[in-house]
N, C-alpha and C. Protein backbone atom coordinates (compact mmCIF):
# COMPACT_ATOMS: atom_id res chain seq x y z
N UNK A 1 0.27 -5.62 -40.41
CA UNK A 1 1.61 -5.22 -39.98
C UNK A 1 1.77 -5.51 -38.50
N UNK A 2 2.95 -5.95 -38.13
CA UNK A 2 3.25 -6.20 -36.74
C UNK A 2 3.37 -4.88 -35.98
N UNK A 3 3.01 -4.90 -34.70
CA UNK A 3 3.14 -3.72 -33.87
C UNK A 3 4.61 -3.56 -33.48
N UNK A 4 5.20 -2.44 -33.84
CA UNK A 4 6.62 -2.18 -33.59
C UNK A 4 6.93 -2.29 -32.10
N UNK A 5 6.07 -1.71 -31.26
CA UNK A 5 6.33 -1.73 -29.82
C UNK A 5 6.31 -3.15 -29.26
N UNK A 6 5.47 -4.00 -29.81
CA UNK A 6 5.44 -5.41 -29.39
C UNK A 6 6.76 -6.09 -29.74
N UNK A 7 7.26 -5.85 -30.94
CA UNK A 7 8.55 -6.44 -31.35
C UNK A 7 9.67 -5.92 -30.45
N UNK A 8 9.71 -4.61 -30.22
CA UNK A 8 10.75 -4.02 -29.37
C UNK A 8 10.70 -4.63 -27.97
N UNK A 9 9.50 -4.72 -27.39
CA UNK A 9 9.36 -5.27 -26.04
C UNK A 9 9.64 -6.76 -25.98
N UNK A 10 9.14 -7.52 -26.95
CA UNK A 10 9.34 -8.97 -26.96
C UNK A 10 10.81 -9.34 -27.08
N UNK A 11 11.53 -8.60 -27.93
CA UNK A 11 12.95 -8.90 -28.15
C UNK A 11 13.88 -8.12 -27.21
N UNK A 12 13.28 -7.29 -26.32
CA UNK A 12 14.06 -6.48 -25.37
C UNK A 12 15.08 -5.59 -26.09
N UNK A 13 14.63 -4.94 -27.16
CA UNK A 13 15.51 -4.08 -27.94
C UNK A 13 15.71 -2.74 -27.24
N UNK A 14 16.89 -2.16 -27.44
CA UNK A 14 17.23 -0.85 -26.88
C UNK A 14 17.65 0.08 -28.01
N UNK A 15 17.55 1.40 -27.81
CA UNK A 15 18.00 2.34 -28.85
C UNK A 15 19.48 2.14 -29.18
N UNK A 16 19.79 2.21 -30.48
CA UNK A 16 21.18 2.07 -30.94
C UNK A 16 21.71 3.47 -31.28
N UNK A 17 22.99 3.76 -30.99
CA UNK A 17 23.53 5.10 -31.29
C UNK A 17 23.44 5.51 -32.76
N UNK A 18 23.41 4.56 -33.70
CA UNK A 18 23.34 4.92 -35.12
C UNK A 18 21.90 5.08 -35.60
N UNK A 19 20.92 4.79 -34.72
CA UNK A 19 19.51 4.81 -35.06
C UNK A 19 18.93 3.42 -34.93
N UNK A 20 17.62 3.33 -34.84
CA UNK A 20 16.98 2.04 -34.70
C UNK A 20 17.12 1.46 -33.30
N UNK A 21 16.82 0.17 -33.20
CA UNK A 21 16.85 -0.54 -31.93
C UNK A 21 17.61 -1.85 -32.10
N UNK A 22 18.26 -2.30 -31.02
CA UNK A 22 19.07 -3.52 -31.14
C UNK A 22 19.13 -4.28 -29.82
N UNK A 23 19.58 -5.51 -29.91
CA UNK A 23 19.94 -6.31 -28.74
C UNK A 23 21.02 -7.28 -29.17
N UNK A 24 22.10 -7.28 -28.41
CA UNK A 24 23.15 -8.26 -28.69
C UNK A 24 22.63 -9.63 -28.29
N UNK A 25 22.71 -10.58 -29.23
CA UNK A 25 22.21 -11.93 -29.00
C UNK A 25 23.33 -12.94 -28.76
N UNK A 26 24.51 -12.63 -29.26
CA UNK A 26 25.61 -13.58 -29.12
C UNK A 26 26.94 -12.85 -29.14
N UNK A 27 27.84 -13.28 -28.27
CA UNK A 27 29.22 -12.80 -28.24
C UNK A 27 30.09 -14.02 -28.00
N UNK A 28 30.89 -14.38 -28.98
CA UNK A 28 31.74 -15.57 -28.89
C UNK A 28 32.75 -15.44 -27.75
N UNK A 29 32.95 -16.53 -27.05
CA UNK A 29 33.98 -16.56 -26.02
C UNK A 29 35.36 -16.80 -26.64
N UNK A 30 35.38 -17.24 -27.89
CA UNK A 30 36.65 -17.41 -28.60
C UNK A 30 37.22 -16.03 -28.92
N UNK A 31 38.48 -15.83 -28.59
CA UNK A 31 39.13 -14.54 -28.83
C UNK A 31 40.09 -14.66 -30.00
N UNK A 32 40.18 -13.58 -30.77
CA UNK A 32 41.11 -13.50 -31.89
C UNK A 32 41.92 -12.23 -31.76
N UNK A 33 43.10 -12.21 -32.34
CA UNK A 33 43.96 -11.03 -32.33
C UNK A 33 43.83 -10.29 -33.66
N UNK A 34 44.03 -8.97 -33.62
CA UNK A 34 44.03 -8.22 -34.86
C UNK A 34 45.31 -8.52 -35.65
N UNK A 35 45.46 -7.92 -36.82
CA UNK A 35 46.58 -8.24 -37.70
C UNK A 35 47.95 -7.96 -37.09
N UNK A 36 48.01 -7.00 -36.17
CA UNK A 36 49.30 -6.72 -35.54
C UNK A 36 49.44 -7.44 -34.20
N UNK A 37 48.45 -8.26 -33.87
CA UNK A 37 48.52 -9.09 -32.68
C UNK A 37 48.34 -8.37 -31.36
N UNK A 38 47.75 -7.18 -31.40
CA UNK A 38 47.67 -6.39 -30.17
C UNK A 38 46.30 -6.38 -29.51
N UNK A 39 45.30 -6.95 -30.13
CA UNK A 39 43.95 -6.82 -29.59
C UNK A 39 43.25 -8.18 -29.54
N UNK A 40 42.68 -8.49 -28.39
CA UNK A 40 41.85 -9.69 -28.27
C UNK A 40 40.40 -9.28 -28.44
N UNK A 41 39.75 -9.81 -29.48
CA UNK A 41 38.35 -9.52 -29.74
C UNK A 41 37.59 -10.82 -29.81
N UNK A 42 36.30 -10.75 -29.56
CA UNK A 42 35.46 -11.92 -29.78
C UNK A 42 35.52 -12.29 -31.25
N UNK A 43 35.52 -13.58 -31.54
CA UNK A 43 35.59 -14.02 -32.93
C UNK A 43 34.35 -13.59 -33.71
N UNK A 44 33.18 -13.51 -33.02
CA UNK A 44 31.92 -13.20 -33.70
C UNK A 44 30.94 -12.61 -32.70
N UNK A 45 30.18 -11.62 -33.15
CA UNK A 45 29.05 -11.11 -32.38
C UNK A 45 27.84 -11.06 -33.30
N UNK A 46 26.65 -11.07 -32.69
CA UNK A 46 25.42 -11.02 -33.48
C UNK A 46 24.36 -10.24 -32.71
N UNK A 47 23.60 -9.42 -33.45
CA UNK A 47 22.52 -8.64 -32.85
C UNK A 47 21.23 -8.80 -33.65
N UNK A 48 20.10 -8.53 -32.99
CA UNK A 48 18.86 -8.20 -33.68
C UNK A 48 18.91 -6.70 -33.90
N UNK A 49 18.39 -6.23 -35.04
CA UNK A 49 18.40 -4.80 -35.34
C UNK A 49 17.10 -4.45 -36.04
N UNK A 50 16.42 -3.42 -35.55
CA UNK A 50 15.12 -3.01 -36.07
C UNK A 50 15.16 -1.55 -36.50
N UNK A 51 14.74 -1.30 -37.74
CA UNK A 51 14.53 0.05 -38.25
C UNK A 51 13.07 0.19 -38.60
N UNK A 52 12.45 1.30 -38.21
CA UNK A 52 11.03 1.48 -38.47
C UNK A 52 10.74 2.88 -38.99
N UNK A 53 9.76 2.96 -39.90
CA UNK A 53 9.30 4.24 -40.41
C UNK A 53 10.40 5.04 -41.08
N UNK A 54 10.56 6.29 -40.65
CA UNK A 54 11.57 7.17 -41.24
C UNK A 54 12.93 7.05 -40.57
N UNK A 55 13.05 6.15 -39.58
CA UNK A 55 14.32 5.98 -38.91
C UNK A 55 15.33 5.35 -39.86
N UNK A 56 16.59 5.52 -39.57
CA UNK A 56 17.64 4.98 -40.44
C UNK A 56 18.87 4.65 -39.62
N UNK A 57 19.69 3.82 -40.19
CA UNK A 57 21.02 3.53 -39.65
C UNK A 57 21.95 4.57 -40.26
N UNK A 58 22.44 5.49 -39.43
CA UNK A 58 23.28 6.58 -39.92
C UNK A 58 24.61 6.05 -40.47
N UNK A 59 25.19 6.82 -41.37
CA UNK A 59 26.48 6.46 -41.96
C UNK A 59 27.47 6.14 -40.85
N UNK A 60 28.09 4.99 -40.96
CA UNK A 60 29.08 4.56 -39.98
C UNK A 60 30.01 3.54 -40.62
N UNK A 61 31.07 3.22 -39.90
CA UNK A 61 31.95 2.13 -40.34
C UNK A 61 32.53 1.45 -39.11
N UNK A 62 32.88 0.19 -39.31
CA UNK A 62 33.50 -0.59 -38.26
C UNK A 62 34.74 -1.26 -38.85
N UNK A 63 35.53 -1.88 -38.00
CA UNK A 63 36.78 -2.47 -38.44
C UNK A 63 36.67 -3.95 -38.78
N UNK A 64 35.45 -4.43 -38.94
CA UNK A 64 35.20 -5.85 -39.24
C UNK A 64 34.16 -5.96 -40.34
N UNK A 65 34.09 -7.13 -40.96
CA UNK A 65 33.02 -7.42 -41.91
C UNK A 65 31.70 -7.55 -41.15
N UNK A 66 30.61 -7.09 -41.77
CA UNK A 66 29.29 -7.18 -41.14
C UNK A 66 28.29 -7.76 -42.14
N UNK A 67 27.64 -8.85 -41.75
CA UNK A 67 26.62 -9.47 -42.60
C UNK A 67 25.25 -9.22 -42.00
N UNK A 68 24.34 -8.73 -42.85
CA UNK A 68 22.96 -8.47 -42.46
C UNK A 68 22.09 -9.62 -42.96
N UNK A 69 21.19 -10.13 -42.10
CA UNK A 69 20.26 -11.21 -42.43
C UNK A 69 18.84 -10.70 -42.22
N UNK A 70 18.04 -10.75 -43.26
CA UNK A 70 16.66 -10.27 -43.19
C UNK A 70 15.77 -11.27 -42.46
N UNK A 71 14.85 -10.75 -41.59
CA UNK A 71 13.89 -11.60 -40.88
C UNK A 71 12.44 -11.25 -41.18
N UNK A 72 12.08 -9.97 -41.07
CA UNK A 72 10.67 -9.62 -41.04
C UNK A 72 10.47 -8.18 -41.49
N UNK A 73 9.30 -7.89 -42.09
CA UNK A 73 8.95 -6.53 -42.47
C UNK A 73 9.24 -6.27 -43.94
N UNK A 74 9.49 -5.01 -44.25
CA UNK A 74 9.78 -4.63 -45.63
C UNK A 74 11.27 -4.76 -45.90
N UNK A 75 11.62 -4.74 -47.17
CA UNK A 75 13.03 -4.78 -47.55
C UNK A 75 13.77 -3.59 -46.93
N UNK A 76 15.05 -3.78 -46.72
CA UNK A 76 15.91 -2.70 -46.23
C UNK A 76 16.95 -2.42 -47.31
N UNK A 77 17.24 -1.14 -47.49
CA UNK A 77 18.21 -0.72 -48.48
C UNK A 77 19.47 -0.26 -47.76
N UNK A 78 20.59 -0.91 -48.08
CA UNK A 78 21.88 -0.59 -47.48
C UNK A 78 22.69 0.20 -48.51
N UNK A 79 23.12 1.39 -48.12
CA UNK A 79 23.95 2.24 -48.96
C UNK A 79 25.39 2.10 -48.48
N UNK A 80 26.33 2.11 -49.43
CA UNK A 80 27.74 2.07 -49.04
C UNK A 80 28.59 2.69 -50.15
N UNK A 81 29.78 3.13 -49.76
CA UNK A 81 30.75 3.63 -50.73
C UNK A 81 31.79 2.54 -50.94
N UNK A 82 31.97 2.14 -52.20
CA UNK A 82 32.91 1.06 -52.50
C UNK A 82 34.35 1.57 -52.48
N UNK A 83 35.28 0.68 -52.80
CA UNK A 83 36.71 1.02 -52.74
C UNK A 83 37.09 2.13 -53.73
N UNK A 84 36.24 2.38 -54.74
CA UNK A 84 36.47 3.46 -55.71
C UNK A 84 35.70 4.73 -55.35
N UNK A 85 35.12 4.76 -54.15
CA UNK A 85 34.34 5.88 -53.63
C UNK A 85 33.04 6.10 -54.41
N UNK A 86 32.54 5.02 -55.02
CA UNK A 86 31.26 5.08 -55.73
C UNK A 86 30.14 4.64 -54.79
N UNK A 87 29.01 5.36 -54.85
CA UNK A 87 27.84 5.01 -54.04
C UNK A 87 27.20 3.76 -54.61
N UNK A 88 26.99 2.78 -53.77
CA UNK A 88 26.36 1.51 -54.16
C UNK A 88 25.23 1.20 -53.18
N UNK A 89 24.36 0.28 -53.58
CA UNK A 89 23.30 -0.17 -52.68
C UNK A 89 23.18 -1.69 -52.74
N UNK A 90 22.71 -2.24 -51.64
CA UNK A 90 22.32 -3.64 -51.56
C UNK A 90 20.96 -3.66 -50.90
N UNK A 91 20.02 -4.37 -51.50
CA UNK A 91 18.67 -4.47 -50.96
C UNK A 91 18.48 -5.90 -50.46
N UNK A 92 17.99 -6.02 -49.21
CA UNK A 92 17.69 -7.34 -48.70
C UNK A 92 16.24 -7.39 -48.23
N UNK A 93 15.62 -8.56 -48.41
CA UNK A 93 14.24 -8.75 -48.00
C UNK A 93 13.51 -9.69 -48.94
N UNK A 94 12.23 -9.84 -48.69
CA UNK A 94 11.40 -10.74 -49.48
C UNK A 94 11.23 -10.23 -50.91
N UNK A 95 10.97 -8.94 -51.07
CA UNK A 95 10.75 -8.36 -52.40
C UNK A 95 11.98 -8.56 -53.30
N UNK A 96 13.16 -8.33 -52.76
CA UNK A 96 14.38 -8.45 -53.56
C UNK A 96 14.83 -9.90 -53.72
N UNK A 97 14.24 -10.81 -52.94
CA UNK A 97 14.62 -12.23 -52.95
C UNK A 97 16.10 -12.41 -52.61
N UNK A 98 16.61 -11.48 -51.84
CA UNK A 98 17.98 -11.51 -51.37
C UNK A 98 17.91 -11.36 -49.85
N UNK A 99 18.26 -12.38 -49.11
CA UNK A 99 18.03 -12.38 -47.67
C UNK A 99 19.26 -12.04 -46.84
N UNK A 100 20.38 -11.78 -47.49
CA UNK A 100 21.56 -11.36 -46.73
C UNK A 100 22.49 -10.53 -47.60
N UNK A 101 23.30 -9.72 -46.92
CA UNK A 101 24.30 -8.90 -47.61
C UNK A 101 25.44 -8.65 -46.64
N UNK A 102 26.66 -8.63 -47.17
CA UNK A 102 27.84 -8.38 -46.34
C UNK A 102 28.50 -7.08 -46.76
N UNK A 103 28.84 -6.29 -45.76
CA UNK A 103 29.58 -5.04 -45.95
C UNK A 103 31.00 -5.27 -45.45
N UNK A 104 32.01 -5.05 -46.31
CA UNK A 104 33.40 -5.28 -45.89
C UNK A 104 33.85 -4.32 -44.78
N UNK A 105 34.82 -4.76 -44.02
CA UNK A 105 35.42 -3.94 -42.97
C UNK A 105 35.87 -2.59 -43.53
N UNK A 106 35.80 -1.55 -42.70
CA UNK A 106 36.28 -0.20 -43.00
C UNK A 106 35.45 0.52 -44.07
N UNK A 107 34.27 0.02 -44.40
CA UNK A 107 33.41 0.61 -45.43
C UNK A 107 32.37 1.51 -44.79
N UNK A 108 32.24 2.73 -45.29
CA UNK A 108 31.15 3.61 -44.82
C UNK A 108 29.84 3.07 -45.34
N UNK A 109 28.85 2.90 -44.45
CA UNK A 109 27.54 2.44 -44.89
C UNK A 109 26.42 2.96 -44.01
N UNK A 110 25.21 2.93 -44.55
CA UNK A 110 24.00 3.38 -43.88
C UNK A 110 22.85 2.54 -44.41
N UNK A 111 21.70 2.60 -43.76
CA UNK A 111 20.57 1.79 -44.22
C UNK A 111 19.25 2.41 -43.78
N UNK A 112 18.19 2.04 -44.51
CA UNK A 112 16.85 2.47 -44.12
C UNK A 112 15.83 1.48 -44.69
N UNK A 113 14.65 1.40 -44.04
CA UNK A 113 13.60 0.56 -44.60
C UNK A 113 13.18 1.11 -45.96
N UNK A 114 12.79 0.24 -46.86
CA UNK A 114 12.37 0.67 -48.19
C UNK A 114 11.06 1.45 -48.12
N UNK A 115 10.23 1.16 -47.12
CA UNK A 115 8.96 1.86 -46.95
C UNK A 115 8.96 2.63 -45.64
N UNK A 116 8.61 3.91 -45.70
CA UNK A 116 8.51 4.73 -44.49
C UNK A 116 7.28 4.37 -43.67
N UNK A 117 6.41 3.51 -44.19
CA UNK A 117 5.21 3.09 -43.48
C UNK A 117 5.36 1.69 -42.89
N UNK A 118 6.58 1.18 -42.82
CA UNK A 118 6.80 -0.20 -42.39
C UNK A 118 8.07 -0.26 -41.54
N UNK A 119 8.54 -1.45 -41.31
CA UNK A 119 9.75 -1.66 -40.52
C UNK A 119 10.55 -2.78 -41.16
N UNK A 120 11.80 -2.90 -40.73
CA UNK A 120 12.67 -4.00 -41.15
C UNK A 120 13.34 -4.57 -39.90
N UNK A 121 13.23 -5.87 -39.72
CA UNK A 121 13.92 -6.57 -38.64
C UNK A 121 14.97 -7.46 -39.27
N UNK A 122 16.22 -7.26 -38.86
CA UNK A 122 17.34 -8.02 -39.38
C UNK A 122 18.20 -8.51 -38.22
N UNK A 123 19.11 -9.38 -38.53
CA UNK A 123 20.22 -9.69 -37.62
C UNK A 123 21.49 -9.22 -38.31
N UNK A 124 22.45 -8.81 -37.51
CA UNK A 124 23.76 -8.41 -38.03
C UNK A 124 24.82 -9.22 -37.31
N UNK A 125 25.63 -9.92 -38.09
CA UNK A 125 26.74 -10.69 -37.54
C UNK A 125 28.03 -9.98 -37.93
N UNK A 126 28.93 -9.82 -36.96
CA UNK A 126 30.17 -9.10 -37.16
C UNK A 126 31.34 -10.02 -36.79
N UNK A 127 32.31 -10.12 -37.70
CA UNK A 127 33.49 -10.95 -37.44
C UNK A 127 34.74 -10.26 -37.96
N UNK A 128 35.80 -10.14 -37.17
CA UNK A 128 35.80 -10.33 -35.72
C UNK A 128 34.74 -9.46 -35.06
N UNK A 129 34.39 -9.83 -33.84
CA UNK A 129 33.24 -9.26 -33.15
C UNK A 129 33.22 -7.75 -33.00
N UNK A 130 32.01 -7.23 -32.91
CA UNK A 130 31.77 -5.80 -32.77
C UNK A 130 32.23 -5.30 -31.40
N UNK A 131 32.86 -4.13 -31.42
CA UNK A 131 33.22 -3.41 -30.20
C UNK A 131 32.91 -1.94 -30.46
N UNK A 132 32.26 -1.29 -29.50
CA UNK A 132 31.91 0.12 -29.70
C UNK A 132 33.14 0.99 -29.89
N UNK A 133 34.30 0.61 -29.36
CA UNK A 133 35.49 1.45 -29.56
C UNK A 133 36.05 1.35 -30.98
N UNK A 134 35.51 0.43 -31.79
CA UNK A 134 35.91 0.30 -33.20
C UNK A 134 34.77 0.74 -34.12
N UNK A 135 33.85 1.53 -33.59
CA UNK A 135 32.63 1.98 -34.28
C UNK A 135 32.73 3.49 -34.46
N UNK A 136 32.57 3.95 -35.70
CA UNK A 136 32.70 5.37 -36.01
C UNK A 136 31.47 5.85 -36.77
N UNK A 137 30.76 6.83 -36.19
CA UNK A 137 29.62 7.44 -36.87
C UNK A 137 30.16 8.63 -37.67
N UNK A 138 29.72 8.72 -38.93
CA UNK A 138 30.22 9.77 -39.83
C UNK A 138 29.69 11.14 -39.44
N UNK A 139 30.54 12.12 -39.62
CA UNK A 139 30.12 13.52 -39.52
C UNK A 139 29.75 13.97 -40.93
N UNK A 140 28.61 14.61 -41.05
CA UNK A 140 28.06 15.00 -42.35
C UNK A 140 29.08 15.77 -43.19
N UNK A 141 29.72 16.76 -42.60
CA UNK A 141 30.65 17.61 -43.35
C UNK A 141 31.83 16.79 -43.91
N UNK A 142 32.38 15.91 -43.09
CA UNK A 142 33.53 15.10 -43.54
C UNK A 142 33.12 14.10 -44.62
N UNK A 143 31.97 13.48 -44.44
CA UNK A 143 31.48 12.51 -45.42
C UNK A 143 31.19 13.20 -46.76
N UNK A 144 30.57 14.37 -46.69
CA UNK A 144 30.26 15.13 -47.90
C UNK A 144 31.55 15.55 -48.62
N UNK A 145 32.55 15.96 -47.86
CA UNK A 145 33.83 16.37 -48.46
C UNK A 145 34.47 15.19 -49.20
N UNK A 146 34.40 14.00 -48.61
CA UNK A 146 35.05 12.83 -49.21
C UNK A 146 34.24 12.22 -50.35
N UNK A 147 32.89 12.19 -50.22
CA UNK A 147 32.07 11.45 -51.18
C UNK A 147 31.00 12.27 -51.89
N UNK A 148 30.90 13.56 -51.62
CA UNK A 148 29.79 14.36 -52.13
C UNK A 148 29.95 14.87 -53.54
N UNK A 149 30.57 14.10 -54.43
CA UNK A 149 30.86 14.56 -55.79
C UNK A 149 29.67 14.65 -56.72
N UNK A 150 28.50 14.18 -56.31
CA UNK A 150 27.31 14.25 -57.18
C UNK A 150 26.11 14.67 -56.34
N UNK A 151 25.06 15.10 -57.03
CA UNK A 151 23.83 15.50 -56.34
C UNK A 151 23.28 14.32 -55.54
N UNK A 152 23.27 13.13 -56.15
CA UNK A 152 22.75 11.94 -55.45
C UNK A 152 23.56 11.65 -54.18
N UNK A 153 24.89 11.69 -54.29
CA UNK A 153 25.73 11.45 -53.12
C UNK A 153 25.46 12.47 -52.02
N UNK A 154 25.32 13.74 -52.41
CA UNK A 154 25.03 14.80 -51.43
C UNK A 154 23.70 14.53 -50.73
N UNK A 155 22.68 14.17 -51.50
CA UNK A 155 21.36 13.91 -50.92
C UNK A 155 21.40 12.72 -49.96
N UNK A 156 22.07 11.65 -50.36
CA UNK A 156 22.13 10.44 -49.53
C UNK A 156 22.99 10.68 -48.29
N UNK A 157 24.13 11.34 -48.43
CA UNK A 157 24.95 11.58 -47.25
C UNK A 157 24.25 12.52 -46.27
N UNK A 158 23.58 13.53 -46.77
CA UNK A 158 22.84 14.45 -45.88
C UNK A 158 21.62 13.77 -45.27
N UNK A 159 20.92 12.98 -46.06
CA UNK A 159 19.70 12.34 -45.58
C UNK A 159 19.92 11.24 -44.56
N UNK A 160 21.13 10.67 -44.54
CA UNK A 160 21.38 9.53 -43.64
C UNK A 160 22.49 9.84 -42.63
N UNK A 161 22.69 11.11 -42.32
CA UNK A 161 23.56 11.51 -41.21
C UNK A 161 22.73 12.31 -40.22
N UNK A 162 23.18 12.34 -38.99
CA UNK A 162 22.45 13.05 -37.94
C UNK A 162 23.14 14.36 -37.57
N UNK A 163 24.40 14.52 -37.92
CA UNK A 163 25.11 15.78 -37.60
C UNK A 163 26.27 15.98 -38.57
């Protein structure tokens, strides 16, 4: 297994507010407007993102599509609520033989490594580009109220939120 601290230091990763570590690798100089023409955003942004051990990407949503690309480590499991408010998962990595997954804009999602004894290194590309002011971390109580209709949903929403 690769040393997590070596990967963090080599890639100059920093703690991410949703959990894990990241570094922005690309921000397009091309600007695009939102649907109402009021916002100039980068056409595309891309980051390295690392989750290790029991760490997780807490439930969050953004206003753009986000594609995850697997690089190294164990598979990562991405949880999301679809347009019918059903809990779904996408697994990416070598074991699943699926190396990428896209989460549509405005979708609540979270993720964690498949093994608590390993790590997952991915890249995330966001188009239109990621902006922290368009990033929303879920509050456990609100997420549970909206999606907690089953024991599994309650366990997943509680297990992958921080507050």
